[in-house]
Amino acid sequence: MKKSEFVTLVADKTGLSKKDTEKTIDAVFTAIGDALASGDKVQISGFGSFETKQRAARTGHNPRTGEEIPIAAATMPVFKPSKTLKDKVDAE
């Protein structure tokens, strides 16, 4: 599902205009991103939680040449679905 399709779906369910719905969705995604960037965890009851995890530095390989290349440590966003969401997806 593309963002435009998602906006249309939410607009139809809420009765809001597509323009207002898109602004709201953008604001939610921005707020989640800002919270994760500052190190906070975002929990949405019945949906799941967003948090960050540290990924250690490691050595990778160039598949073309086989040469070893260093991969730097990074902070990665992670989503953990709630049991409610898992059950809903599994039931369909």
N, C-alpha and C. Protein backbone atom coordinates (compact mmCIF):
# COMPACT_ATOMS: atom_id res chain seq x y z
N MET A 1 0.85 -1.17 0.00
CA MET A 1 0.00 0.00 0.00
C MET A 1 0.90 1.24 0.00
N LYS A 2 0.65 2.13 -0.92
CA LYS A 2 1.39 3.38 -1.01
C LYS A 2 0.80 4.40 -0.03
N LYS A 3 1.58 5.44 0.24
CA LYS A 3 1.14 6.47 1.18
C LYS A 3 -0.18 7.09 0.73
N SER A 4 -0.32 7.37 -0.55
CA SER A 4 -1.56 8.00 -1.04
C SER A 4 -2.77 7.09 -0.81
N GLU A 5 -2.58 5.78 -0.97
CA GLU A 5 -3.66 4.83 -0.72
C GLU A 5 -3.99 4.78 0.78
N PHE A 6 -2.96 4.86 1.60
CA PHE A 6 -3.14 4.87 3.05
C PHE A 6 -3.90 6.11 3.48
N VAL A 7 -3.53 7.26 2.93
CA VAL A 7 -4.21 8.52 3.24
C VAL A 7 -5.68 8.43 2.87
N THR A 8 -5.97 7.89 1.71
CA THR A 8 -7.36 7.73 1.26
C THR A 8 -8.13 6.81 2.20
N LEU A 9 -7.53 5.71 2.60
CA LEU A 9 -8.18 4.76 3.50
C LEU A 9 -8.52 5.42 4.85
N VAL A 10 -7.55 6.14 5.41
CA VAL A 10 -7.77 6.80 6.70
C VAL A 10 -8.80 7.92 6.56
N ALA A 11 -8.72 8.67 5.48
CA ALA A 11 -9.69 9.76 5.26
C ALA A 11 -11.10 9.20 5.17
N ASP A 12 -11.28 8.08 4.49
CA ASP A 12 -12.60 7.47 4.36
C ASP A 12 -13.12 6.99 5.72
N LYS A 13 -12.22 6.47 6.56
CA LYS A 13 -12.64 5.97 7.87
C LYS A 13 -12.95 7.09 8.86
N THR A 14 -12.26 8.23 8.73
CA THR A 14 -12.43 9.31 9.70
C THR A 14 -13.39 10.40 9.25
N GLY A 15 -13.61 10.49 7.94
CA GLY A 15 -14.47 11.55 7.42
C GLY A 15 -13.74 12.87 7.25
N LEU A 16 -12.44 12.89 7.48
CA LEU A 16 -11.63 14.09 7.27
C LEU A 16 -11.27 14.22 5.80
N SER A 17 -10.87 15.42 5.41
CA SER A 17 -10.42 15.60 4.03
C SER A 17 -9.08 14.90 3.86
N LYS A 18 -8.74 14.58 2.62
CA LYS A 18 -7.46 13.93 2.35
C LYS A 18 -6.29 14.84 2.73
N LYS A 19 -6.46 16.13 2.53
CA LYS A 19 -5.41 17.09 2.87
C LYS A 19 -5.14 17.10 4.37
N ASP A 20 -6.21 17.17 5.17
CA ASP A 20 -6.06 17.15 6.63
C ASP A 20 -5.52 15.81 7.12
N THR A 21 -5.98 14.74 6.51
CA THR A 21 -5.51 13.40 6.87
C THR A 21 -4.03 13.26 6.59
N GLU A 22 -3.59 13.73 5.44
CA GLU A 22 -2.17 13.63 5.10
C GLU A 22 -1.31 14.44 6.07
N LYS A 23 -1.77 15.63 6.44
CA LYS A 23 -1.04 16.45 7.42
C LYS A 23 -0.94 15.72 8.76
N THR A 24 -2.03 15.09 9.17
CA THR A 24 -2.05 14.36 10.45
C THR A 24 -1.11 13.17 10.41
N ILE A 25 -1.15 12.40 9.34
CA ILE A 25 -0.28 11.23 9.20
C ILE A 25 1.18 11.67 9.18
N ASP A 26 1.49 12.72 8.44
CA ASP A 26 2.86 13.24 8.40
C ASP A 26 3.31 13.68 9.79
N ALA A 27 2.42 14.32 10.53
CA ALA A 27 2.76 14.78 11.88
C ALA A 27 3.03 13.60 12.82
N VAL A 28 2.25 12.54 12.69
CA VAL A 28 2.45 11.35 13.52
C VAL A 28 3.80 10.71 13.22
N PHE A 29 4.11 10.53 11.93
CA PHE A 29 5.38 9.92 11.55
C PHE A 29 6.56 10.79 11.98
N THR A 30 6.42 12.10 11.87
CA THR A 30 7.48 13.02 12.30
C THR A 30 7.69 12.93 13.80
N ALA A 31 6.60 12.89 14.55
CA ALA A 31 6.68 12.80 16.01
C ALA A 31 7.35 11.49 16.44
N ILE A 32 7.02 10.39 15.79
CA ILE A 32 7.65 9.11 16.11
C ILE A 32 9.14 9.18 15.79
N GLY A 33 9.48 9.71 14.64
CA GLY A 33 10.89 9.84 14.26
C GLY A 33 11.67 10.73 15.21
N ASP A 34 11.07 11.84 15.62
CA ASP A 34 11.73 12.75 16.57
C ASP A 34 11.94 12.07 17.93
N ALA A 35 10.94 11.32 18.38
CA ALA A 35 11.06 10.63 19.66
C ALA A 35 12.16 9.58 19.61
N LEU A 36 12.23 8.82 18.52
CA LEU A 36 13.28 7.81 18.38
C LEU A 36 14.66 8.45 18.29
N ALA A 37 14.74 9.57 17.58
CA ALA A 37 16.02 10.27 17.43
C ALA A 37 16.54 10.77 18.78
N SER A 38 15.63 11.11 19.70
CA SER A 38 16.05 11.59 21.01
C SER A 38 16.22 10.44 22.01
N GLY A 39 16.05 9.20 21.55
CA GLY A 39 16.29 8.04 22.40
C GLY A 39 15.08 7.53 23.15
N ASP A 40 13.91 8.09 22.88
CA ASP A 40 12.69 7.65 23.56
C ASP A 40 12.09 6.42 22.88
N LYS A 41 11.29 5.70 23.62
CA LYS A 41 10.53 4.56 23.10
C LYS A 41 9.09 5.02 22.93
N VAL A 42 8.45 4.64 21.83
CA VAL A 42 7.06 5.02 21.57
C VAL A 42 6.20 3.77 21.61
N GLN A 43 5.26 3.71 22.56
CA GLN A 43 4.37 2.56 22.69
C GLN A 43 2.95 2.98 22.32
N ILE A 44 2.35 2.24 21.41
CA ILE A 44 0.98 2.50 21.00
C ILE A 44 0.18 1.25 21.36
N SER A 45 -0.67 1.38 22.37
CA SER A 45 -1.43 0.25 22.89
C SER A 45 -2.25 -0.40 21.78
N GLY A 46 -2.17 -1.73 21.70
CA GLY A 46 -2.93 -2.47 20.70
C GLY A 46 -2.28 -2.49 19.33
N PHE A 47 -1.17 -1.79 19.16
CA PHE A 47 -0.48 -1.75 17.86
C PHE A 47 0.95 -2.26 17.98
N GLY A 48 1.74 -1.65 18.86
CA GLY A 48 3.12 -2.09 19.03
C GLY A 48 3.98 -0.98 19.58
N SER A 49 5.29 -1.21 19.55
CA SER A 49 6.21 -0.20 20.07
C SER A 49 7.36 0.02 19.10
N PHE A 50 7.81 1.26 19.08
CA PHE A 50 8.95 1.65 18.29
C PHE A 50 10.08 1.98 19.25
N GLU A 51 11.27 1.50 18.99
CA GLU A 51 12.42 1.82 19.80
C GLU A 51 13.68 1.75 18.95
N THR A 52 14.81 2.06 19.55
CA THR A 52 16.07 1.97 18.82
C THR A 52 16.95 0.91 19.44
N LYS A 53 17.78 0.30 18.61
CA LYS A 53 18.74 -0.70 19.06
C LYS A 53 20.10 -0.33 18.52
N GLN A 54 21.14 -0.61 19.31
CA GLN A 54 22.50 -0.39 18.86
C GLN A 54 22.95 -1.59 18.04
N ARG A 55 23.53 -1.32 16.90
CA ARG A 55 24.08 -2.37 16.05
C ARG A 55 25.60 -2.24 16.10
N ALA A 56 26.28 -3.28 16.50
CA ALA A 56 27.73 -3.24 16.68
C ALA A 56 28.44 -3.13 15.33
N ALA A 57 29.65 -2.60 15.38
CA ALA A 57 30.48 -2.55 14.18
C ALA A 57 30.85 -3.98 13.79
N ARG A 58 31.00 -4.22 12.51
CA ARG A 58 31.33 -5.56 12.05
C ARG A 58 32.07 -5.49 10.72
N THR A 59 32.53 -6.61 10.27
CA THR A 59 33.23 -6.69 9.00
C THR A 59 32.32 -7.36 7.99
N GLY A 60 32.15 -6.72 6.84
CA GLY A 60 31.36 -7.30 5.76
C GLY A 60 32.27 -7.67 4.62
N HIS A 61 31.68 -8.20 3.56
CA HIS A 61 32.45 -8.60 2.39
C HIS A 61 31.81 -8.03 1.14
N ASN A 62 32.63 -7.50 0.26
CA ASN A 62 32.16 -7.05 -1.04
C ASN A 62 31.85 -8.30 -1.86
N PRO A 63 30.60 -8.51 -2.28
CA PRO A 63 30.25 -9.74 -2.99
C PRO A 63 30.95 -9.87 -4.35
N ARG A 64 31.31 -8.78 -4.94
CA ARG A 64 31.95 -8.83 -6.25
C ARG A 64 33.42 -9.24 -6.15
N THR A 65 34.13 -8.64 -5.17
CA THR A 65 35.57 -8.89 -5.08
C THR A 65 35.96 -9.79 -3.92
N GLY A 66 35.06 -9.98 -2.96
CA GLY A 66 35.38 -10.78 -1.78
C GLY A 66 36.19 -10.00 -0.76
N GLU A 67 36.48 -8.73 -1.06
CA GLU A 67 37.27 -7.89 -0.16
C GLU A 67 36.50 -7.61 1.12
N GLU A 68 37.20 -7.63 2.25
CA GLU A 68 36.58 -7.30 3.53
C GLU A 68 36.43 -5.79 3.63
N ILE A 69 35.26 -5.35 4.12
CA ILE A 69 35.02 -3.92 4.31
C ILE A 69 34.43 -3.71 5.70
N PRO A 70 34.88 -2.67 6.39
CA PRO A 70 34.34 -2.40 7.72
C PRO A 70 32.95 -1.77 7.62
N ILE A 71 32.05 -2.22 8.48
CA ILE A 71 30.72 -1.63 8.57
C ILE A 71 30.62 -0.99 9.95
N ALA A 72 30.38 0.30 9.98
CA ALA A 72 30.36 1.06 11.23
C ALA A 72 29.18 0.68 12.12
N ALA A 73 29.33 0.93 13.40
CA ALA A 73 28.23 0.75 14.35
C ALA A 73 27.12 1.74 14.00
N ALA A 74 25.88 1.37 14.29
CA ALA A 74 24.76 2.24 13.96
C ALA A 74 23.63 2.05 14.96
N THR A 75 22.80 3.06 15.06
CA THR A 75 21.57 2.98 15.84
C THR A 75 20.43 2.76 14.86
N MET A 76 19.68 1.68 15.05
CA MET A 76 18.64 1.28 14.11
C MET A 76 17.25 1.38 14.76
N PRO A 77 16.26 1.87 14.01
CA PRO A 77 14.89 1.84 14.54
C PRO A 77 14.33 0.42 14.44
N VAL A 78 13.56 0.03 15.46
CA VAL A 78 12.99 -1.31 15.52
C VAL A 78 11.52 -1.20 15.89
N PHE A 79 10.67 -2.01 15.25
CA PHE A 79 9.25 -2.06 15.59
C PHE A 79 8.93 -3.44 16.13
N LYS A 80 8.23 -3.48 17.27
CA LYS A 80 7.78 -4.73 17.86
C LYS A 80 6.26 -4.71 17.89
N PRO A 81 5.60 -5.56 17.13
CA PRO A 81 4.13 -5.56 17.13
C PRO A 81 3.57 -6.09 18.45
N SER A 82 2.39 -5.58 18.81
CA SER A 82 1.72 -6.06 20.03
C SER A 82 1.06 -7.40 19.75
N LYS A 83 0.68 -8.08 20.80
CA LYS A 83 -0.01 -9.37 20.64
C LYS A 83 -1.32 -9.18 19.89
N THR A 84 -2.01 -8.08 20.16
CA THR A 84 -3.28 -7.79 19.48
C THR A 84 -3.07 -7.70 17.97
N LEU A 85 -2.04 -6.98 17.55
CA LEU A 85 -1.75 -6.83 16.11
C LEU A 85 -1.33 -8.16 15.50
N LYS A 86 -0.50 -8.91 16.22
CA LYS A 86 -0.07 -10.23 15.71
C LYS A 86 -1.28 -11.13 15.49
N ASP A 87 -2.19 -11.16 16.48
CA ASP A 87 -3.39 -11.99 16.37
C ASP A 87 -4.28 -11.57 15.22
N LYS A 88 -4.42 -10.25 15.03
CA LYS A 88 -5.26 -9.75 13.94
C LYS A 88 -4.69 -10.14 12.58
N VAL A 89 -3.39 -9.99 12.41
CA VAL A 89 -2.75 -10.33 11.13
C VAL A 89 -2.81 -11.83 10.89
N ASP A 90 -2.62 -12.61 11.94
CA ASP A 90 -2.64 -14.07 11.81
C ASP A 90 -4.03 -14.58 11.48
N ALA A 91 -5.07 -13.89 11.95
CA ALA A 91 -6.45 -14.34 11.73
C ALA A 91 -6.91 -14.11 10.30
N GLU A 92 -6.27 -13.17 9.61
CA GLU A 92 -6.73 -12.83 8.25
C GLU A 92 -6.03 -13.61 7.19
